[in-house]
Amino acid sequence: VNSPSELTECILLIEKKLEALQAEPEKKNVLII
């Protein structure tokens, strides 16, 4: 992400990754740090 102030872009990336993980055959617990 270009800047620490671009939180909207960060949220979009998190949501995109969560959707990808949700689509995996084996569900995993996800920790966001």
PDB file of all heavy atoms in Angstrom:
ATOM      1  N   VAL A   1       0.872  -1.173   0.000  1.00  0.00           N
ATOM      2  CA  VAL A   1       0.000   0.000   0.000  1.00  0.00           C
ATOM      3  C   VAL A   1       0.910   1.223   0.000  1.00  0.00           C
ATOM      4  O   VAL A   1       1.907   1.261   0.730  1.00  0.00           O
ATOM      5  CB  VAL A   1      -0.929   0.004   1.230  1.00  0.00           C
ATOM      6  CG1 VAL A   1      -1.771   1.270   1.268  1.00  0.00           C
ATOM      7  CG2 VAL A   1      -1.830  -1.230   1.213  1.00  0.00           C
ATOM      8  N   ASN A   2       0.577   2.216  -0.799  1.00  0.00           N
ATOM      9  CA  ASN A   2       1.477   3.353  -0.994  1.00  0.00           C
ATOM     10  C   ASN A   2       1.749   4.172   0.255  1.00  0.00           C
ATOM     11  O   ASN A   2       2.831   4.747   0.406  1.00  0.00           O
ATOM     12  CB  ASN A   2       0.926   4.274  -2.087  1.00  0.00           C
ATOM     13  CG  ASN A   2       1.007   3.642  -3.463  1.00  0.00           C
ATOM     14  OD1 ASN A   2       1.865   2.805  -3.726  1.00  0.00           O
ATOM     15  ND2 ASN A   2       0.095   4.022  -4.340  1.00  0.00           N
ATOM     16  N   SER A   3       0.774   4.246   1.158  1.00  0.00           N
ATOM     17  CA  SER A   3       0.928   5.114   2.329  1.00  0.00           C
ATOM     18  C   SER A   3       0.189   4.538   3.527  1.00  0.00           C
ATOM     19  O   SER A   3      -0.858   3.892   3.367  1.00  0.00           O
ATOM     20  CB  SER A   3       0.389   6.507   2.005  1.00  0.00           C
ATOM     21  OG  SER A   3       0.252   7.282   3.182  1.00  0.00           O
ATOM     22  N   PRO A   4       0.697   4.767   4.739  1.00  0.00           N
ATOM     23  CA  PRO A   4       0.011   4.311   5.958  1.00  0.00           C
ATOM     24  C   PRO A   4      -1.352   4.971   6.165  1.00  0.00           C
ATOM     25  O   PRO A   4      -2.138   4.519   7.000  1.00  0.00           O
ATOM     26  CB  PRO A   4       0.981   4.716   7.076  1.00  0.00           C
ATOM     27  CG  PRO A   4       2.307   4.816   6.412  1.00  0.00           C
ATOM     28  CD  PRO A   4       2.020   5.349   5.044  1.00  0.00           C
ATOM     29  N   SER A   5      -1.630   6.024   5.420  1.00  0.00           N
ATOM     30  CA  SER A   5      -2.918   6.706   5.549  1.00  0.00           C
ATOM     31  C   SER A   5      -3.981   6.137   4.615  1.00  0.00           C
ATOM     32  O   SER A   5      -5.159   6.499   4.712  1.00  0.00           O
ATOM     33  CB  SER A   5      -2.755   8.207   5.273  1.00  0.00           C
ATOM     34  OG  SER A   5      -2.301   8.430   3.953  1.00  0.00           O
ATOM     35  N   GLU A   6      -3.597   5.223   3.729  1.00  0.00           N
ATOM     36  CA  GLU A   6      -4.554   4.633   2.788  1.00  0.00           C
ATOM     37  C   GLU A   6      -5.214   3.398   3.393  1.00  0.00           C
ATOM     38  O   GLU A   6      -5.011   2.253   2.958  1.00  0.00           O
ATOM     39  CB  GLU A   6      -3.853   4.298   1.476  1.00  0.00           C
ATOM     40  CG  GLU A   6      -3.343   5.529   0.736  1.00  0.00           C
ATOM     41  CD  GLU A   6      -2.790   5.204  -0.634  1.00  0.00           C
ATOM     42  OE1 GLU A   6      -3.046   4.086  -1.136  1.00  0.00           O
ATOM     43  OE2 GLU A   6      -2.111   6.062  -1.217  1.00  0.00           O
ATOM     44  N   LEU A   7      -6.040   3.642   4.409  1.00  0.00           N
ATOM     45  CA  LEU A   7      -6.670   2.549   5.142  1.00  0.00           C
ATOM     46  C   LEU A   7      -7.754   1.851   4.318  1.00  0.00           C
ATOM     47  O   LEU A   7      -7.991   0.651   4.491  1.00  0.00           O
ATOM     48  CB  LEU A   7      -7.259   3.071   6.452  1.00  0.00           C
ATOM     49  CG  LEU A   7      -6.248   3.698   7.428  1.00  0.00           C
ATOM     50  CD1 LEU A   7      -6.937   4.099   8.722  1.00  0.00           C
ATOM     51  CD2 LEU A   7      -5.094   2.749   7.709  1.00  0.00           C
ATOM     52  N   THR A   8      -8.414   2.582   3.445  1.00  0.00           N
ATOM     53  CA  THR A   8      -9.445   1.969   2.606  1.00  0.00           C
ATOM     54  C   THR A   8      -8.846   0.897   1.711  1.00  0.00           C
ATOM     55  O   THR A   8      -9.405  -0.204   1.562  1.00  0.00           O
ATOM     56  CB  THR A   8     -10.146   3.037   1.733  1.00  0.00           C
ATOM     57  OG1 THR A   8     -10.758   4.008   2.593  1.00  0.00           O
ATOM     58  CG2 THR A   8     -11.208   2.390   0.856  1.00  0.00           C
ATOM     59  N   GLU A   9      -7.689   1.194   1.126  1.00  0.00           N
ATOM     60  CA  GLU A   9      -7.000   0.216   0.286  1.00  0.00           C
ATOM     61  C   GLU A   9      -6.603  -1.010   1.101  1.00  0.00           C
ATOM     62  O   GLU A   9      -6.710  -2.153   0.630  1.00  0.00           O
ATOM     63  CB  GLU A   9      -5.749   0.843  -0.337  1.00  0.00           C
ATOM     64  CG  GLU A   9      -4.912  -0.098  -1.196  1.00  0.00           C
ATOM     65  CD  GLU A   9      -5.632  -0.571  -2.443  1.00  0.00           C
ATOM     66  OE1 GLU A   9      -6.628   0.071  -2.842  1.00  0.00           O
ATOM     67  OE2 GLU A   9      -5.204  -1.589  -3.014  1.00  0.00           O
ATOM     68  N   CYS A  10      -6.177  -0.785   2.328  1.00  0.00           N
ATOM     69  CA  CYS A  10      -5.800  -1.890   3.212  1.00  0.00           C
ATOM     70  C   CYS A  10      -7.013  -2.781   3.502  1.00  0.00           C
ATOM     71  O   CYS A  10      -6.912  -4.014   3.454  1.00  0.00           O
ATOM     72  CB  CYS A  10      -5.229  -1.328   4.514  1.00  0.00           C
ATOM     73  SG  CYS A  10      -4.774  -2.596   5.709  1.00  0.00           S
ATOM     74  N   ILE A  11      -8.147  -2.179   3.790  1.00  0.00           N
ATOM     75  CA  ILE A  11      -9.366  -2.944   4.081  1.00  0.00           C
ATOM     76  C   ILE A  11      -9.781  -3.777   2.872  1.00  0.00           C
ATOM     77  O   ILE A  11     -10.171  -4.942   3.008  1.00  0.00           O
ATOM     78  CB  ILE A  11     -10.506  -1.995   4.498  1.00  0.00           C
ATOM     79  CG1 ILE A  11     -10.187  -1.367   5.862  1.00  0.00           C
ATOM     80  CG2 ILE A  11     -11.845  -2.743   4.561  1.00  0.00           C
ATOM     81  CD1 ILE A  11     -11.161  -0.295   6.293  1.00  0.00           C
ATOM     82  N   LEU A  12      -9.681  -3.192   1.683  1.00  0.00           N
ATOM     83  CA  LEU A  12     -10.036  -3.926   0.466  1.00  0.00           C
ATOM     84  C   LEU A  12      -9.139  -5.142   0.267  1.00  0.00           C
ATOM     85  O   LEU A  12      -9.605  -6.217  -0.138  1.00  0.00           O
ATOM     86  CB  LEU A  12      -9.942  -2.999  -0.745  1.00  0.00           C
ATOM     87  CG  LEU A  12     -10.992  -1.888  -0.830  1.00  0.00           C
ATOM     88  CD1 LEU A  12     -10.695  -0.968  -2.010  1.00  0.00           C
ATOM     89  CD2 LEU A  12     -12.401  -2.474  -0.951  1.00  0.00           C
ATOM     90  N   LEU A  13      -7.848  -4.996   0.565  1.00  0.00           N
ATOM     91  CA  LEU A  13      -6.921  -6.121   0.444  1.00  0.00           C
ATOM     92  C   LEU A  13      -7.234  -7.213   1.462  1.00  0.00           C
ATOM     93  O   LEU A  13      -7.158  -8.411   1.153  1.00  0.00           O
ATOM     94  CB  LEU A  13      -5.481  -5.636   0.619  1.00  0.00           C
ATOM     95  CG  LEU A  13      -4.891  -4.826  -0.543  1.00  0.00           C
ATOM     96  CD1 LEU A  13      -3.547  -4.231  -0.155  1.00  0.00           C
ATOM     97  CD2 LEU A  13      -4.749  -5.696  -1.791  1.00  0.00           C
ATOM     98  N   ILE A  14      -7.581  -6.805   2.684  1.00  0.00           N
ATOM     99  CA  ILE A  14      -7.941  -7.778   3.724  1.00  0.00           C
ATOM    100  C   ILE A  14      -9.185  -8.555   3.300  1.00  0.00           C
ATOM    101  O   ILE A  14      -9.234  -9.790   3.401  1.00  0.00           O
ATOM    102  CB  ILE A  14      -8.186  -7.074   5.074  1.00  0.00           C
ATOM    103  CG1 ILE A  14      -6.875  -6.514   5.626  1.00  0.00           C
ATOM    104  CG2 ILE A  14      -8.801  -8.052   6.084  1.00  0.00           C
ATOM    105  CD1 ILE A  14      -7.046  -5.690   6.885  1.00  0.00           C
ATOM    106  N   GLU A  15     -10.210  -7.838   2.829  1.00  0.00           N
ATOM    107  CA  GLU A  15     -11.448  -8.493   2.415  1.00  0.00           C
ATOM    108  C   GLU A  15     -11.210  -9.450   1.245  1.00  0.00           C
ATOM    109  O   GLU A  15     -11.779 -10.552   1.194  1.00  0.00           O
ATOM    110  CB  GLU A  15     -12.490  -7.441   2.044  1.00  0.00           C
ATOM    111  CG  GLU A  15     -12.990  -6.638   3.244  1.00  0.00           C
ATOM    112  CD  GLU A  15     -13.975  -5.565   2.837  1.00  0.00           C
ATOM    113  OE1 GLU A  15     -14.052  -5.247   1.621  1.00  0.00           O
ATOM    114  OE2 GLU A  15     -14.673  -5.038   3.722  1.00  0.00           O
ATOM    115  N   LYS A  16     -10.368  -9.029   0.313  1.00  0.00           N
ATOM    116  CA  LYS A  16     -10.056  -9.877  -0.836  1.00  0.00           C
ATOM    117  C   LYS A  16      -9.376 -11.170  -0.393  1.00  0.00           C
ATOM    118  O   LYS A  16      -9.701 -12.268  -0.877  1.00  0.00           O
ATOM    119  CB  LYS A  16      -9.147  -9.119  -1.809  1.00  0.00           C
ATOM    120  CG  LYS A  16      -8.766  -9.905  -3.047  1.00  0.00           C
ATOM    121  CD  LYS A  16      -7.866  -9.075  -3.972  1.00  0.00           C
ATOM    122  CE  LYS A  16      -7.450  -9.865  -5.202  1.00  0.00           C
ATOM    123  NZ  LYS A  16      -6.559  -9.066  -6.094  1.00  0.00           N
ATOM    124  N   LYS A  17      -8.441 -11.045   0.552  1.00  0.00           N
ATOM    125  CA  LYS A  17      -7.737 -12.230   1.048  1.00  0.00           C
ATOM    126  C   LYS A  17      -8.667 -13.137   1.839  1.00  0.00           C
ATOM    127  O   LYS A  17      -8.596 -14.375   1.713  1.00  0.00           O
ATOM    128  CB  LYS A  17      -6.552 -11.799   1.920  1.00  0.00           C
ATOM    129  CG  LYS A  17      -5.649 -12.962   2.332  1.00  0.00           C
ATOM    130  CD  LYS A  17      -5.033 -13.650   1.124  1.00  0.00           C
ATOM    131  CE  LYS A  17      -4.100 -14.778   1.520  1.00  0.00           C
ATOM    132  NZ  LYS A  17      -3.512 -15.461   0.354  1.00  0.00           N
ATOM    133  N   LEU A  18      -9.548 -12.558   2.633  1.00  0.00           N
ATOM    134  CA  LEU A  18     -10.495 -13.359   3.401  1.00  0.00           C
ATOM    135  C   LEU A  18     -11.419 -14.151   2.477  1.00  0.00           C
ATOM    136  O   LEU A  18     -11.747 -15.313   2.737  1.00  0.00           O
ATOM    137  CB  LEU A  18     -11.328 -12.466   4.332  1.00  0.00           C
ATOM    138  CG  LEU A  18     -10.600 -11.887   5.547  1.00  0.00           C
ATOM    139  CD1 LEU A  18     -11.504 -10.919   6.297  1.00  0.00           C
ATOM    140  CD2 LEU A  18     -10.131 -12.997   6.489  1.00  0.00           C
ATOM    141  N   GLU A  19     -11.844 -13.527   1.407  1.00  0.00           N
ATOM    142  CA  GLU A  19     -12.697 -14.218   0.430  1.00  0.00           C
ATOM    143  C   GLU A  19     -11.946 -15.373  -0.216  1.00  0.00           C
ATOM    144  O   GLU A  19     -12.512 -16.458  -0.434  1.00  0.00           O
ATOM    145  CB  GLU A  19     -13.155 -13.236  -0.642  1.00  0.00           C
ATOM    146  CG  GLU A  19     -14.172 -12.207  -0.144  1.00  0.00           C
ATOM    147  CD  GLU A  19     -14.534 -11.193  -1.211  1.00  0.00           C
ATOM    148  OE1 GLU A  19     -13.995 -11.297  -2.346  1.00  0.00           O
ATOM    149  OE2 GLU A  19     -15.347 -10.302  -0.918  1.00  0.00           O
ATOM    150  N   ALA A  20     -10.679 -15.161  -0.523  1.00  0.00           N
ATOM    151  CA  ALA A  20      -9.868 -16.221  -1.124  1.00  0.00           C
ATOM    152  C   ALA A  20      -9.694 -17.390  -0.163  1.00  0.00           C
ATOM    153  O   ALA A  20      -9.780 -18.559  -0.550  1.00  0.00           O
ATOM    154  CB  ALA A  20      -8.505 -15.666  -1.541  1.00  0.00           C
ATOM    155  N   LEU A  21      -9.466 -17.091   1.098  1.00  0.00           N
ATOM    156  CA  LEU A  21      -9.305 -18.139   2.109  1.00  0.00           C
ATOM    157  C   LEU A  21     -10.608 -18.882   2.331  1.00  0.00           C
ATOM    158  O   LEU A  21     -10.622 -20.091   2.570  1.00  0.00           O
ATOM    159  CB  LEU A  21      -8.803 -17.533   3.424  1.00  0.00           C
ATOM    160  CG  LEU A  21      -7.378 -16.982   3.407  1.00  0.00           C
ATOM    161  CD1 LEU A  21      -7.079 -16.237   4.703  1.00  0.00           C
ATOM    162  CD2 LEU A  21      -6.370 -18.118   3.218  1.00  0.00           C
ATOM    163  N   GLN A  22     -11.717 -18.146   2.274  1.00  0.00           N
ATOM    164  CA  GLN A  22     -13.027 -18.759   2.456  1.00  0.00           C
ATOM    165  C   GLN A  22     -13.329 -19.749   1.339  1.00  0.00           C
ATOM    166  O   GLN A  22     -14.041 -20.737   1.532  1.00  0.00           O
ATOM    167  CB  GLN A  22     -14.114 -17.676   2.498  1.00  0.00           C
ATOM    168  CG  GLN A  22     -15.518 -18.195   2.759  1.00  0.00           C
ATOM    169  CD  GLN A  22     -15.689 -18.760   4.158  1.00  0.00           C
ATOM    170  OE1 GLN A  22     -14.867 -18.513   5.031  1.00  0.00           O
ATOM    171  NE2 GLN A  22     -16.746 -19.529   4.353  1.00  0.00           N
ATOM    172  N   ALA A  23     -12.776 -19.506   0.161  1.00  0.00           N
ATOM    173  CA  ALA A  23     -13.030 -20.367  -1.000  1.00  0.00           C
ATOM    174  C   ALA A  23     -12.173 -21.630  -0.995  1.00  0.00           C
ATOM    175  O   ALA A  23     -12.398 -22.543  -1.796  1.00  0.00           O
ATOM    176  CB  ALA A  23     -12.780 -19.584  -2.286  1.00  0.00           C
ATOM    177  N   GLU A  24     -11.183 -21.702  -0.114  1.00  0.00           N
ATOM    178  CA  GLU A  24     -10.324 -22.880  -0.060  1.00  0.00           C
ATOM    179  C   GLU A  24     -11.110 -24.097   0.434  1.00  0.00           C
ATOM    180  O   GLU A  24     -12.005 -23.961   1.271  1.00  0.00           O
ATOM    181  CB  GLU A  24      -9.132 -22.622   0.871  1.00  0.00           C
ATOM    182  CG  GLU A  24      -8.133 -21.615   0.332  1.00  0.00           C
ATOM    183  CD  GLU A  24      -6.930 -21.447   1.243  1.00  0.00           C
ATOM    184  OE1 GLU A  24      -6.944 -22.022   2.354  1.00  0.00           O
ATOM    185  OE2 GLU A  24      -5.985 -20.755   0.846  1.00  0.00           O
ATOM    186  N   PRO A  25     -10.795 -25.293  -0.058  1.00  0.00           N
ATOM    187  CA  PRO A  25     -11.518 -26.511   0.344  1.00  0.00           C
ATOM    188  C   PRO A  25     -11.481 -26.755   1.849  1.00  0.00           C
ATOM    189  O   PRO A  25     -12.482 -27.134   2.446  1.00  0.00           O
ATOM    190  CB  PRO A  25     -10.774 -27.621  -0.417  1.00  0.00           C
ATOM    191  CG  PRO A  25     -10.136 -26.923  -1.564  1.00  0.00           C
ATOM    192  CD  PRO A  25      -9.773 -25.553  -1.064  1.00  0.00           C
ATOM    193  N   GLU A  26     -10.331 -26.565   2.439  1.00  0.00           N
ATOM    194  CA  GLU A  26     -10.189 -26.764   3.874  1.00  0.00           C
ATOM    195  C   GLU A  26     -10.177 -25.411   4.568  1.00  0.00           C
ATOM    196  O   GLU A  26      -9.307 -24.581   4.320  1.00  0.00           O
ATOM    197  CB  GLU A  26      -8.899 -27.526   4.188  1.00  0.00           C
ATOM    198  CG  GLU A  26      -8.876 -28.944   3.656  1.00  0.00           C
ATOM    199  CD  GLU A  26      -7.628 -29.694   4.081  1.00  0.00           C
ATOM    200  OE1 GLU A  26      -6.884 -29.150   4.928  1.00  0.00           O
ATOM    201  OE2 GLU A  26      -7.396 -30.788   3.573  1.00  0.00           O
ATOM    202  N   LYS A  27     -11.164 -25.193   5.431  1.00  0.00           N
ATOM    203  CA  LYS A  27     -11.279 -23.914   6.120  1.00  0.00           C
ATOM    204  C   LYS A  27     -10.209 -23.807   7.202  1.00  0.00           C
ATOM    205  O   LYS A  27      -9.921 -24.765   7.924  1.00  0.00           O
ATOM    206  CB  LYS A  27     -12.661 -23.761   6.749  1.00  0.00           C
ATOM    207  CG  LYS A  27     -13.808 -23.981   5.782  1.00  0.00           C
ATOM    208  CD  LYS A  27     -13.720 -23.082   4.563  1.00  0.00           C
ATOM    209  CE  LYS A  27     -14.879 -23.313   3.615  1.00  0.00           C
ATOM    210  NZ  LYS A  27     -14.753 -22.556   2.360  1.00  0.00           N
ATOM    211  N   LYS A  28      -9.622 -22.627   7.299  1.00  0.00           N
ATOM    212  CA  LYS A  28      -8.577 -22.382   8.285  1.00  0.00           C
ATOM    213  C   LYS A  28      -8.992 -21.227   9.203  1.00  0.00           C
ATOM    214  O   LYS A  28      -9.729 -20.325   8.794  1.00  0.00           O
ATOM    215  CB  LYS A  28      -7.252 -22.008   7.600  1.00  0.00           C
ATOM    216  CG  LYS A  28      -6.824 -22.947   6.493  1.00  0.00           C
ATOM    217  CD  LYS A  28      -6.361 -24.278   7.021  1.00  0.00           C
ATOM    218  CE  LYS A  28      -5.825 -25.156   5.899  1.00  0.00           C
ATOM    219  NZ  LYS A  28      -5.388 -26.483   6.375  1.00  0.00           N
ATOM    220  N   ASN A  29      -8.531 -21.281  10.432  1.00  0.00           N
ATOM    221  CA  ASN A  29      -8.679 -20.120  11.304  1.00  0.00           C
ATOM    222  C   ASN A  29      -7.761 -19.023  10.792  1.00  0.00           C
ATOM    223  O   ASN A  29      -6.644 -19.299  10.350  1.00  0.00           O
ATOM    224  CB  ASN A  29      -8.320 -20.472  12.748  1.00  0.00           C
ATOM    225  CG  ASN A  29      -9.332 -21.401  13.383  1.00  0.00           C
ATOM    226  OD1 ASN A  29     -10.532 -21.279  13.161  1.00  0.00           O
ATOM    227  ND2 ASN A  29      -8.853 -22.362  14.166  1.00  0.00           N
ATOM    228  N   VAL A  30      -8.223 -17.795  10.853  1.00  0.00           N
ATOM    229  CA  VAL A  30      -7.437 -16.676  10.340  1.00  0.00           C
ATOM    230  C   VAL A  30      -7.187 -15.664  11.456  1.00  0.00           C
ATOM    231  O   VAL A  30      -8.118 -15.230  12.134  1.00  0.00           O
ATOM    232  CB  VAL A  30      -8.156 -15.973   9.170  1.00  0.00           C
ATOM    233  CG1 VAL A  30      -7.308 -14.807   8.660  1.00  0.00           C
ATOM    234  CG2 VAL A  30      -8.427 -16.954   8.037  1.00  0.00           C
ATOM    235  N   LEU A  31      -5.928 -15.315  11.631  1.00  0.00           N
ATOM    236  CA  LEU A  31      -5.541 -14.286  12.585  1.00  0.00           C
ATOM    237  C   LEU A  31      -5.092 -13.054  11.813  1.00  0.00           C
ATOM    238  O   LEU A  31      -4.231 -13.144  10.940  1.00  0.00           O
ATOM    239  CB  LEU A  31      -4.387 -14.772  13.473  1.00  0.00           C
ATOM    240  CG  LEU A  31      -3.858 -13.743  14.487  1.00  0.00           C
ATOM    241  CD1 LEU A  31      -4.847 -13.572  15.633  1.00  0.00           C
ATOM    242  CD2 LEU A  31      -2.501 -14.166  15.019  1.00  0.00           C
ATOM    243  N   ILE A  32      -5.692 -11.912  12.116  1.00  0.00           N
ATOM    244  CA  ILE A  32      -5.290 -10.649  11.493  1.00  0.00           C
ATOM    245  C   ILE A  32      -4.505  -9.849  12.519  1.00  0.00           C
ATOM    246  O   ILE A  32      -4.989  -9.573  13.613  1.00  0.00           O
ATOM    247  CB  ILE A  32      -6.513  -9.844  11.016  1.00  0.00           C
ATOM    248  CG1 ILE A  32      -7.337 -10.668  10.021  1.00  0.00           C
ATOM    249  CG2 ILE A  32      -6.058  -8.536  10.372  1.00  0.00           C
ATOM    250  CD1 ILE A  32      -8.619  -9.996   9.581  1.00  0.00           C
ATOM    251  N   ILE A  33      -3.287  -9.489  12.159  1.00  0.00           N
ATOM    252  CA  ILE A  33      -2.420  -8.730  13.066  1.00  0.00           C
ATOM    253  C   ILE A  33      -2.212  -7.332  12.498  1.00  0.00           C
ATOM    254  O   ILE A  33      -1.829  -7.175  11.336  1.00  0.00           O
ATOM    255  CB  ILE A  33      -1.053  -9.426  13.234  1.00  0.00           C
ATOM    256  CG1 ILE A  33      -1.232 -10.834  13.815  1.00  0.00           C
ATOM    257  CG2 ILE A  33      -0.130  -8.591  14.124  1.00  0.00           C
ATOM    258  CD1 ILE A  33       0.063 -11.621  13.912  1.00  0.00           C
TER     259      ILE A  33
END
